[in-house]
Amino acid sequence: MQTAEHEHEHGHEGSLWPAVIGLAVLVLVAGLILILRNINFTLGVGLIAVFIITFGVFVTREVKSWPHVIEMFFARLRGTAIPSEP
């Protein structure tokens, strides 16, 4: 419970995209293996297409919010005390 409050205080934005992209990379690797080992070319191309579509959806939806996220990061960085060197 305390962890959830701690994340909320810092404006933590939960997003499923890192997990989705991670799974899509696994799909990409599986597709490449299928093609390179001559197991099933059509299925390999299909899996690679799934990765490309997933990445395309990610870019079209998330890039719009990047300026806001970068602005929040630098605002948080400015509010953080930097310890002095000994």
Protein backbone atom coordinates (compact mmCIF):
# COMPACT_ATOMS: atom_id res chain seq x y z
CA MET A 1 0.00 0.00 0.00
CA GLN A 2 2.79 2.38 0.84
CA THR A 3 4.47 1.62 -2.49
CA ALA A 4 1.35 2.63 -4.43
CA GLU A 5 1.18 5.91 -2.53
CA HIS A 6 4.87 6.52 -3.15
CA GLU A 7 4.46 5.98 -6.90
CA HIS A 8 1.40 8.21 -6.98
CA GLU A 9 3.24 11.05 -5.25
CA HIS A 10 5.89 11.14 -7.96
CA GLY A 11 3.40 11.16 -10.80
CA HIS A 12 4.17 7.61 -11.91
CA GLU A 13 2.35 6.91 -15.12
CA GLY A 14 1.58 3.23 -15.51
CA SER A 15 1.74 2.16 -19.12
CA LEU A 16 1.36 -1.25 -20.68
CA TRP A 17 3.46 -0.28 -23.68
CA PRO A 18 6.83 -1.49 -22.31
CA ALA A 19 5.34 -4.95 -21.76
CA VAL A 20 3.60 -4.93 -25.15
CA ILE A 21 6.80 -3.90 -26.94
CA GLY A 22 8.76 -6.55 -25.02
CA LEU A 23 6.34 -9.25 -26.13
CA ALA A 24 6.39 -7.90 -29.67
CA VAL A 25 10.20 -8.19 -29.71
CA LEU A 26 9.84 -11.85 -28.70
CA VAL A 27 7.42 -12.30 -31.61
CA LEU A 28 9.95 -10.59 -33.91
CA VAL A 29 12.75 -12.90 -32.78
CA ALA A 30 10.52 -15.95 -33.27
CA GLY A 31 9.68 -14.76 -36.77
CA LEU A 32 13.34 -14.24 -37.63
CA ILE A 33 14.23 -17.70 -36.33
CA LEU A 34 11.46 -19.27 -38.42
CA ILE A 35 12.75 -17.52 -41.54
CA LEU A 36 16.47 -18.04 -40.97
CA ARG A 37 16.10 -21.75 -40.17
CA ASN A 38 13.80 -22.28 -43.18
CA ILE A 39 11.03 -23.67 -40.96
CA ASN A 40 8.06 -21.62 -42.19
CA PHE A 41 8.65 -18.48 -44.24
CA THR A 42 5.01 -17.35 -44.32
CA LEU A 43 4.57 -17.63 -40.55
CA GLY A 44 7.89 -15.84 -40.01
CA VAL A 45 6.84 -12.94 -42.21
CA GLY A 46 3.49 -12.81 -40.39
CA LEU A 47 5.18 -12.60 -37.00
CA ILE A 48 7.49 -9.85 -38.24
CA ALA A 49 4.44 -7.99 -39.56
CA VAL A 50 2.83 -8.25 -36.10
CA PHE A 51 5.91 -6.57 -34.61
CA ILE A 52 5.91 -3.81 -37.24
CA ILE A 53 2.20 -3.11 -36.71
CA THR A 54 2.57 -3.10 -32.92
CA PHE A 55 5.54 -0.74 -33.09
CA GLY A 56 3.67 1.50 -35.53
CA VAL A 57 0.68 1.75 -33.19
CA PHE A 58 3.04 2.54 -30.30
CA VAL A 59 4.72 5.35 -32.21
CA THR A 60 1.47 6.91 -33.43
CA ARG A 61 -0.10 6.90 -29.95
CA GLU A 62 2.82 7.60 -27.64
CA VAL A 63 5.04 10.06 -29.51
CA LYS A 64 2.39 12.75 -29.04
CA SER A 65 2.87 12.61 -25.26
CA TRP A 66 6.69 12.62 -25.29
CA PRO A 67 7.10 16.42 -24.97
CA HIS A 68 4.90 16.36 -21.86
CA VAL A 69 6.80 13.41 -20.37
CA ILE A 70 10.17 15.08 -21.04
CA GLU A 71 8.91 18.30 -19.48
CA MET A 72 7.76 16.38 -16.37
CA PHE A 73 11.16 14.64 -16.17
CA PHE A 74 13.13 17.90 -16.20
CA ALA A 75 10.72 19.50 -13.72
CA ARG A 76 11.25 16.55 -11.38
CA LEU A 77 15.02 16.72 -11.97
CA ARG A 78 15.12 20.43 -11.09
CA GLY A 79 13.24 19.69 -7.85
CA THR A 80 15.73 17.01 -6.80
CA ALA A 81 18.56 18.04 -4.51
CA ILE A 82 21.96 17.11 -5.88
CA PRO A 83 24.32 15.99 -3.12
CA SER A 84 27.59 17.87 -2.95
CA GLU A 85 30.81 16.00 -3.58
CA PRO A 86 33.07 15.39 -0.57
